[in-house]
Amino acid sequence: MTSKKVYFNDDLLFSGFSRSAIKFFRELGRNNNRDWFLLNRERYIRFVFEPMKCLVGSISPVISGLDPLALTIPSRVISRIYRDVRFSSDRLPYRARIWFAFKRDVEYWSSTPAYFFQFDDVGYVYGMGMYSALPLTMKKFRGAIDDDPKGFSKIIEPIEWSEDLRLESDIYKRRIPSEYPLMIDNWYQSRSIAVLGRREPDEVFFSSSLIDFLTERFILLKPLYDFLWSVTVLK
């Protein structure tokens, strides 16, 4: 499967993020206030938001092939820089990072599988997972492993062999009884599932090759993505 080039705003094509995007977030981290942001809003649009929108457009055909039910409209998948501070102890008005999450149109999407990409001033993160899986979902997850441990092993082997993708998850404080080998048991003990890679800004991030880089990772994660949806319980 190959990525399809998608244009926005009069032939603006994704060609990689710039060092100006990194610089913007670094400066925002030191000046997280309304006055500074209003003076630098055009920088955010030019160096951060517009390239992210083009990246989403370039990867959307791939995502639609992996999951026809996933949202791909930029306004629905790209995070807003404005933070809702009404119910937060952190009163900073702006997020010093940006992400996209290709998710289905459900109310509590963080409890369901989604493909994601995020960057800030120190690097970028990419992968797939559900950060707030419901307990019943994880119960079904373990039950599906119990039903076919060999099949689950085949699903996670490419991830275990990957050079950059890793399972990152909170573990239950009280261990769930299991006689599985460590490779499976690490997943079995997880309270939620997130498989991701982390990289500092590099030649991939600063070029159009980021499209193919993310495409390869998302395709590799599709078997696990489908497995997670097979056990996901919606609120």
C-alpha atoms as a PDB file:
ATOM      1  CA  MET A   1       0.000   0.000   0.000  1.00  0.00           C
ATOM      2  CA  THR A   2       1.380   3.401  -0.943  1.00  0.00           C
ATOM      3  CA  SER A   3       0.499   6.856   0.284  1.00  0.00           C
ATOM      4  CA  LYS A   4      -1.399   9.255  -1.945  1.00  0.00           C
ATOM      5  CA  LYS A   5      -0.222  12.851  -2.198  1.00  0.00           C
ATOM      6  CA  VAL A   6      -2.939  15.304  -1.194  1.00  0.00           C
ATOM      7  CA  TYR A   7      -2.823  19.042  -1.786  1.00  0.00           C
ATOM      8  CA  PHE A   8      -4.194  21.856   0.347  1.00  0.00           C
ATOM      9  CA  ASN A   9      -4.326  25.612   0.005  1.00  0.00           C
ATOM     10  CA  ASP A  10      -3.274  26.150  -3.597  1.00  0.00           C
ATOM     11  CA  ASP A  11      -0.691  23.432  -4.102  1.00  0.00           C
ATOM     12  CA  LEU A  12       0.708  23.348  -0.572  1.00  0.00           C
ATOM     13  CA  LEU A  13       2.184  19.839  -0.404  1.00  0.00           C
ATOM     14  CA  PHE A  14       3.576  18.198   2.710  1.00  0.00           C
ATOM     15  CA  SER A  15       7.350  18.275   2.441  1.00  0.00           C
ATOM     16  CA  GLY A  16       8.257  17.775   6.086  1.00  0.00           C
ATOM     17  CA  PHE A  17       8.092  19.951   9.156  1.00  0.00           C
ATOM     18  CA  SER A  18      10.575  22.769   9.562  1.00  0.00           C
ATOM     19  CA  ARG A  19      12.862  23.776  12.390  1.00  0.00           C
ATOM     20  CA  SER A  20      10.596  26.790  12.723  1.00  0.00           C
ATOM     21  CA  ALA A  21       7.880  24.455  14.051  1.00  0.00           C
ATOM     22  CA  ILE A  22      10.219  23.172  16.746  1.00  0.00           C
ATOM     23  CA  LYS A  23      11.271  26.720  17.556  1.00  0.00           C
ATOM     24  CA  PHE A  24       7.658  27.840  17.852  1.00  0.00           C
ATOM     25  CA  PHE A  25       6.834  25.233  20.499  1.00  0.00           C
ATOM     26  CA  ARG A  26      10.071  25.929  22.362  1.00  0.00           C
ATOM     27  CA  GLU A  27       9.209  29.605  22.574  1.00  0.00           C
ATOM     28  CA  LEU A  28       5.579  28.891  23.445  1.00  0.00           C
ATOM     29  CA  GLY A  29       6.819  26.816  26.371  1.00  0.00           C
ATOM     30  CA  ARG A  30       8.485  29.951  27.742  1.00  0.00           C
ATOM     31  CA  ASN A  31       5.679  32.354  26.805  1.00  0.00           C
ATOM     32  CA  ASN A  32       2.438  30.481  27.294  1.00  0.00           C
ATOM     33  CA  ASN A  33       0.118  33.464  27.424  1.00  0.00           C
ATOM     34  CA  ARG A  34      -2.488  35.109  25.216  1.00  0.00           C
ATOM     35  CA  ASP A  35      -0.495  38.225  24.323  1.00  0.00           C
ATOM     36  CA  TRP A  36       2.491  36.237  23.036  1.00  0.00           C
ATOM     37  CA  PHE A  37       0.320  33.786  21.113  1.00  0.00           C
ATOM     38  CA  LEU A  38      -1.667  36.500  19.351  1.00  0.00           C
ATOM     39  CA  LEU A  39       1.586  38.049  18.183  1.00  0.00           C
ATOM     40  CA  ASN A  40       2.824  34.675  16.919  1.00  0.00           C
ATOM     41  CA  ARG A  41      -0.393  33.079  15.726  1.00  0.00           C
ATOM     42  CA  GLU A  42       0.608  33.335  12.055  1.00  0.00           C
ATOM     43  CA  ARG A  43       3.787  31.388  12.832  1.00  0.00           C
ATOM     44  CA  TYR A  44       1.673  28.636  14.358  1.00  0.00           C
ATOM     45  CA  ILE A  45      -0.580  28.455  11.306  1.00  0.00           C
ATOM     46  CA  ARG A  46       2.274  28.568   8.788  1.00  0.00           C
ATOM     47  CA  PHE A  47       4.827  26.274  10.436  1.00  0.00           C
ATOM     48  CA  VAL A  48       2.697  23.942  12.564  1.00  0.00           C
ATOM     49  CA  PHE A  49      -0.972  23.701  11.640  1.00  0.00           C
ATOM     50  CA  GLU A  50      -0.825  23.880   7.834  1.00  0.00           C
ATOM     51  CA  PRO A  51       1.963  21.271   7.487  1.00  0.00           C
ATOM     52  CA  MET A  52       0.092  19.015   9.938  1.00  0.00           C
ATOM     53  CA  LYS A  53      -3.074  19.386   7.880  1.00  0.00           C
ATOM     54  CA  CYS A  54      -1.165  18.413   4.732  1.00  0.00           C
ATOM     55  CA  LEU A  55       0.356  15.406   6.502  1.00  0.00           C
ATOM     56  CA  VAL A  56      -3.110  14.269   7.552  1.00  0.00           C
ATOM     57  CA  GLY A  57      -4.325  14.667   3.984  1.00  0.00           C
ATOM     58  CA  SER A  58      -1.420  12.636   2.637  1.00  0.00           C
ATOM     59  CA  ILE A  59      -1.964   9.752   5.062  1.00  0.00           C
ATOM     60  CA  SER A  60      -5.775   9.762   5.024  1.00  0.00           C
ATOM     61  CA  PRO A  61      -6.104   7.455   1.965  1.00  0.00           C
ATOM     62  CA  VAL A  62      -3.937   4.895   3.750  1.00  0.00           C
ATOM     63  CA  ILE A  63      -6.009   5.137   6.921  1.00  0.00           C
ATOM     64  CA  SER A  64      -9.239   4.762   4.962  1.00  0.00           C
ATOM     65  CA  GLY A  65      -7.812   1.563   3.510  1.00  0.00           C
ATOM     66  CA  LEU A  66      -6.921   0.263   6.961  1.00  0.00           C
ATOM     67  CA  ASP A  67     -10.247   1.274   8.520  1.00  0.00           C
ATOM     68  CA  PRO A  68     -13.032   2.738   6.351  1.00  0.00           C
ATOM     69  CA  LEU A  69     -14.821   3.838   9.554  1.00  0.00           C
ATOM     70  CA  ALA A  70     -11.967   6.043  10.769  1.00  0.00           C
ATOM     71  CA  LEU A  71     -12.416   9.806  10.646  1.00  0.00           C
ATOM     72  CA  THR A  72      -9.980  11.560   8.307  1.00  0.00           C
ATOM     73  CA  ILE A  73     -11.309  15.131   8.150  1.00  0.00           C
ATOM     74  CA  PRO A  74      -8.485  17.342   9.473  1.00  0.00           C
ATOM     75  CA  SER A  75     -10.789  19.353  11.736  1.00  0.00           C
ATOM     76  CA  ARG A  76     -11.882  16.111  13.423  1.00  0.00           C
ATOM     77  CA  VAL A  77      -8.489  14.490  13.865  1.00  0.00           C
ATOM     78  CA  ILE A  78      -6.029  17.338  14.576  1.00  0.00           C
ATOM     79  CA  SER A  79      -5.759  18.638  18.117  1.00  0.00           C
ATOM     80  CA  ARG A  80      -6.557  22.239  18.960  1.00  0.00           C
ATOM     81  CA  ILE A  81      -3.818  24.414  20.406  1.00  0.00           C
ATOM     82  CA  TYR A  82      -6.292  26.027  22.797  1.00  0.00           C
ATOM     83  CA  ARG A  83      -6.653  24.196  26.101  1.00  0.00           C
ATOM     84  CA  ASP A  84      -9.900  23.927  28.070  1.00  0.00           C
ATOM     85  CA  VAL A  85      -8.705  25.055  31.500  1.00  0.00           C
ATOM     86  CA  ARG A  86     -12.138  25.078  33.165  1.00  0.00           C
ATOM     87  CA  PHE A  87     -11.640  21.683  34.791  1.00  0.00           C
ATOM     88  CA  SER A  88      -7.856  21.535  34.925  1.00  0.00           C
ATOM     89  CA  SER A  89      -5.322  22.448  37.588  1.00  0.00           C
ATOM     90  CA  ASP A  90      -2.974  23.448  34.754  1.00  0.00           C
ATOM     91  CA  ARG A  91      -4.055  26.966  33.815  1.00  0.00           C
ATOM     92  CA  LEU A  92      -1.773  27.401  30.809  1.00  0.00           C
ATOM     93  CA  PRO A  93      -4.020  28.431  27.897  1.00  0.00           C
ATOM     94  CA  TYR A  94      -2.155  26.725  25.021  1.00  0.00           C
ATOM     95  CA  ARG A  95      -0.818  23.254  24.298  1.00  0.00           C
ATOM     96  CA  ALA A  96       2.903  23.243  23.516  1.00  0.00           C
ATOM     97  CA  ARG A  97       2.411  20.271  21.166  1.00  0.00           C
ATOM     98  CA  ILE A  98       0.140  19.120  18.365  1.00  0.00           C
ATOM     99  CA  TRP A  99      -1.171  15.703  17.392  1.00  0.00           C
ATOM    100  CA  PHE A 100      -3.533  13.877  15.103  1.00  0.00           C
ATOM    101  CA  ALA A 101      -5.574  10.819  16.014  1.00  0.00           C
ATOM    102  CA  PHE A 102      -7.343   8.810  13.332  1.00  0.00           C
ATOM    103  CA  LYS A 103     -10.287   7.486  15.316  1.00  0.00           C
ATOM    104  CA  ARG A 104     -13.830   6.330  14.744  1.00  0.00           C
ATOM    105  CA  ASP A 105     -16.769   8.610  15.423  1.00  0.00           C
ATOM    106  CA  VAL A 106     -17.495   7.513  18.996  1.00  0.00           C
ATOM    107  CA  GLU A 107     -18.118   9.609  22.084  1.00  0.00           C
ATOM    108  CA  TYR A 108     -15.183   8.391  24.186  1.00  0.00           C
ATOM    109  CA  TRP A 109     -12.590   7.806  21.508  1.00  0.00           C
ATOM    110  CA  SER A 110      -9.657   7.522  23.960  1.00  0.00           C
ATOM    111  CA  SER A 111     -11.222   4.231  25.101  1.00  0.00           C
ATOM    112  CA  THR A 112     -10.998   2.838  21.567  1.00  0.00           C
ATOM    113  CA  PRO A 113      -8.112   2.049  19.176  1.00  0.00           C
ATOM    114  CA  ALA A 114      -6.701   4.978  17.180  1.00  0.00           C
ATOM    115  CA  TYR A 115      -3.638   5.688  15.052  1.00  0.00           C
ATOM    116  CA  PHE A 116      -1.754   8.770  16.229  1.00  0.00           C
ATOM    117  CA  PHE A 117       1.197  11.104  15.678  1.00  0.00           C
ATOM    118  CA  GLN A 118       2.378  13.940  17.918  1.00  0.00           C
ATOM    119  CA  PHE A 119       5.293  16.339  18.117  1.00  0.00           C
ATOM    120  CA  ASP A 120       6.583  19.111  20.348  1.00  0.00           C
ATOM    121  CA  ASP A 121       9.882  20.925  20.799  1.00  0.00           C
ATOM    122  CA  VAL A 122      11.850  17.791  21.772  1.00  0.00           C
ATOM    123  CA  GLY A 123      10.659  15.155  19.321  1.00  0.00           C
ATOM    124  CA  TYR A 124       7.821  13.149  17.841  1.00  0.00           C
ATOM    125  CA  VAL A 125       5.742  10.156  18.892  1.00  0.00           C
ATOM    126  CA  TYR A 126       3.703   7.812  16.672  1.00  0.00           C
ATOM    127  CA  GLY A 127       1.803   4.580  16.944  1.00  0.00           C
ATOM    128  CA  MET A 128      -1.564   3.133  17.842  1.00  0.00           C
ATOM    129  CA  GLY A 129      -3.496   2.340  20.962  1.00  0.00           C
ATOM    130  CA  MET A 130      -6.256   3.181  23.386  1.00  0.00           C
ATOM    131  CA  TYR A 131      -5.092   5.147  26.394  1.00  0.00           C
ATOM    132  CA  SER A 132      -8.195   4.776  28.559  1.00  0.00           C
ATOM    133  CA  ALA A 133      -9.520   1.308  27.813  1.00  0.00           C
ATOM    134  CA  LEU A 134     -12.538   0.292  29.857  1.00  0.00           C
ATOM    135  CA  PRO A 135     -11.973  -2.538  32.379  1.00  0.00           C
ATOM    136  CA  LEU A 136     -14.488  -4.688  30.503  1.00  0.00           C
ATOM    137  CA  THR A 137     -12.539  -4.154  27.280  1.00  0.00           C
ATOM    138  CA  MET A 138      -9.338  -5.365  28.924  1.00  0.00           C
ATOM    139  CA  LYS A 139     -11.198  -8.344  30.398  1.00  0.00           C
ATOM    140  CA  LYS A 140     -12.324  -9.301  26.902  1.00  0.00           C
ATOM    141  CA  PHE A 141      -8.779  -8.631  25.680  1.00  0.00           C
ATOM    142  CA  ARG A 142      -7.354 -11.191  28.117  1.00  0.00           C
ATOM    143  CA  GLY A 143     -10.156 -13.622  27.284  1.00  0.00           C
ATOM    144  CA  ALA A 144      -9.305 -13.389  23.569  1.00  0.00           C
ATOM    145  CA  ILE A 145      -5.654 -14.125  24.381  1.00  0.00           C
ATOM    146  CA  ASP A 146      -6.743 -17.131  26.447  1.00  0.00           C
ATOM    147  CA  ASP A 147      -8.843 -18.391  23.536  1.00  0.00           C
ATOM    148  CA  ASP A 148      -5.950 -18.265  21.058  1.00  0.00           C
ATOM    149  CA  PRO A 149      -2.525 -17.449  22.582  1.00  0.00           C
ATOM    150  CA  LYS A 150      -0.684 -18.647  19.473  1.00  0.00           C
ATOM    151  CA  GLY A 151      -2.772 -16.400  17.272  1.00  0.00           C
ATOM    152  CA  PHE A 152      -2.123 -13.417  19.544  1.00  0.00           C
ATOM    153  CA  SER A 153       1.585 -14.220  19.542  1.00  0.00           C
ATOM    154  CA  LYS A 154       1.618 -13.951  15.741  1.00  0.00           C
ATOM    155  CA  ILE A 155      -0.085 -10.553  15.978  1.00  0.00           C
ATOM    156  CA  ILE A 156       2.462  -9.060  18.365  1.00  0.00           C
ATOM    157  CA  GLU A 157       5.623 -10.699  16.973  1.00  0.00           C
ATOM    158  CA  PRO A 158       6.216  -7.990  14.315  1.00  0.00           C
ATOM    159  CA  ILE A 159       5.924  -5.374  17.073  1.00  0.00           C
ATOM    160  CA  GLU A 160       8.297  -7.241  19.355  1.00  0.00           C
ATOM    161  CA  TRP A 161      10.801  -7.484  16.484  1.00  0.00           C
ATOM    162  CA  SER A 162      10.401  -3.839  15.516  1.00  0.00           C
ATOM    163  CA  GLU A 163      13.389  -1.547  15.998  1.00  0.00           C
ATOM    164  CA  ASP A 164      11.320   1.355  17.308  1.00  0.00           C
ATOM    165  CA  LEU A 165       7.790   0.328  18.309  1.00  0.00           C
ATOM    166  CA  ARG A 166       7.233  -0.656  21.939  1.00  0.00           C
ATOM    167  CA  LEU A 167       4.326  -1.483  24.216  1.00  0.00           C
ATOM    168  CA  GLU A 168       3.934   1.301  26.766  1.00  0.00           C
ATOM    169  CA  SER A 169       1.237   0.638  29.324  1.00  0.00           C
ATOM    170  CA  ASP A 170       0.422   0.837  32.999  1.00  0.00           C
ATOM    171  CA  ILE A 171       0.452  -2.543  34.701  1.00  0.00           C
ATOM    172  CA  TYR A 172      -2.120  -3.732  37.202  1.00  0.00           C
ATOM    173  CA  LYS A 173      -0.833  -3.324  40.765  1.00  0.00           C
ATOM    174  CA  ARG A 174      -1.960  -6.846  41.582  1.00  0.00           C
ATOM    175  CA  ARG A 175      -0.634  -9.314  39.039  1.00  0.00           C
ATOM    176  CA  ILE A 176      -3.238 -11.262  37.079  1.00  0.00           C
ATOM    177  CA  PRO A 177      -2.480 -15.016  37.250  1.00  0.00           C
ATOM    178  CA  SER A 178      -0.791 -16.088  34.046  1.00  0.00           C
ATOM    179  CA  GLU A 179       1.601 -18.778  32.854  1.00  0.00           C
ATOM    180  CA  TYR A 180       2.312 -17.109  29.531  1.00  0.00           C
ATOM    181  CA  PRO A 181       5.872 -16.351  28.390  1.00  0.00           C
ATOM    182  CA  LEU A 182       7.075 -12.821  29.051  1.00  0.00           C
ATOM    183  CA  MET A 183       6.347 -11.636  25.500  1.00  0.00           C
ATOM    184  CA  ILE A 184       2.618 -12.319  25.961  1.00  0.00           C
ATOM    185  CA  ASP A 185       2.446 -11.708  29.696  1.00  0.00           C
ATOM    186  CA  ASN A 186       3.528  -8.073  29.340  1.00  0.00           C
ATOM    187  CA  TRP A 187       0.396  -7.492  27.273  1.00  0.00           C
ATOM    188  CA  TYR A 188      -1.778  -9.644  29.523  1.00  0.00           C
ATOM    189  CA  GLN A 189      -0.922  -7.527  32.578  1.00  0.00           C
ATOM    190  CA  SER A 190      -1.618  -4.190  30.880  1.00  0.00           C
ATOM    191  CA  ARG A 191      -4.429  -1.891  32.022  1.00  0.00           C
ATOM    192  CA  SER A 192      -4.619  -0.326  28.572  1.00  0.00           C
ATOM    193  CA  ILE A 193      -2.720  -0.622  25.299  1.00  0.00           C
ATOM    194  CA  ALA A 194      -0.410   1.870  23.582  1.00  0.00           C
ATOM    195  CA  VAL A 195       2.210   0.828  21.047  1.00  0.00           C
ATOM    196  CA  LEU A 196       4.442   3.702  20.068  1.00  0.00           C
ATOM    197  CA  GLY A 197       7.810   4.900  18.891  1.00  0.00           C
ATOM    198  CA  ARG A 198       9.715   7.997  19.999  1.00  0.00           C
ATOM    199  CA  ARG A 199      12.285   9.923  17.990  1.00  0.00           C
ATOM    200  CA  GLU A 200      14.074  13.216  18.225  1.00  0.00           C
ATOM    201  CA  PRO A 201      13.608  15.593  15.274  1.00  0.00           C
ATOM    202  CA  ASP A 202      15.596  14.026  12.420  1.00  0.00           C
ATOM    203  CA  GLU A 203      15.855  13.881   8.648  1.00  0.00           C
ATOM    204  CA  VAL A 204      12.592  11.894   8.480  1.00  0.00           C
ATOM    205  CA  PHE A 205      10.675  14.508  10.451  1.00  0.00           C
ATOM    206  CA  PHE A 206      12.049  17.298   8.274  1.00  0.00           C
ATOM    207  CA  SER A 207      11.143  15.655   4.950  1.00  0.00           C
ATOM    208  CA  SER A 208       8.246  14.162   2.997  1.00  0.00           C
ATOM    209  CA  SER A 209       9.577  10.695   3.873  1.00  0.00           C
ATOM    210  CA  LEU A 210       7.599  11.052   7.109  1.00  0.00           C
ATOM    211  CA  ILE A 211       4.544  10.040   5.068  1.00  0.00           C
ATOM    212  CA  ASP A 212       5.987   6.659   4.133  1.00  0.00           C
ATOM    213  CA  PHE A 213       7.559   6.245   7.578  1.00  0.00           C
ATOM    214  CA  LEU A 214       4.205   6.577   9.334  1.00  0.00           C
ATOM    215  CA  THR A 215       2.423   4.558   6.671  1.00  0.00           C
ATOM    216  CA  GLU A 216       4.739   1.588   7.246  1.00  0.00           C
ATOM    217  CA  ARG A 217       4.191   1.704  11.018  1.00  0.00           C
ATOM    218  CA  PHE A 218       0.419   2.016  10.750  1.00  0.00           C
ATOM    219  CA  ILE A 219       0.210  -0.924   8.329  1.00  0.00           C
ATOM    220  CA  LEU A 220       2.372  -3.030  10.641  1.00  0.00           C
ATOM    221  CA  LEU A 221      -0.011  -2.236  13.508  1.00  0.00           C
ATOM    222  CA  LYS A 222      -3.205  -3.104  11.612  1.00  0.00           C
ATOM    223  CA  PRO A 223      -3.510  -6.727  12.881  1.00  0.00           C
ATOM    224  CA  LEU A 224      -3.317  -5.489  16.474  1.00  0.00           C
ATOM    225  CA  TYR A 225      -5.678  -2.612  15.640  1.00  0.00           C
ATOM    226  CA  ASP A 226      -8.267  -5.082  14.329  1.00  0.00           C
ATOM    227  CA  PHE A 227      -7.747  -7.357  17.343  1.00  0.00           C
ATOM    228  CA  LEU A 228      -8.323  -4.460  19.740  1.00  0.00           C
ATOM    229  CA  TRP A 229     -11.502  -3.424  17.955  1.00  0.00           C
ATOM    230  CA  SER A 230     -12.761  -7.022  18.208  1.00  0.00           C
ATOM    231  CA  VAL A 231     -12.674  -6.763  22.007  1.00  0.00           C
ATOM    232  CA  THR A 232     -13.496  -3.068  22.479  1.00  0.00           C
ATOM    233  CA  VAL A 233     -16.522  -2.245  24.602  1.00  0.00           C
ATOM    234  CA  LEU A 234     -18.132   1.152  24.041  1.00  0.00           C
ATOM    235  CA  LYS A 235     -19.734   3.190  26.809  1.00  0.00           C
END
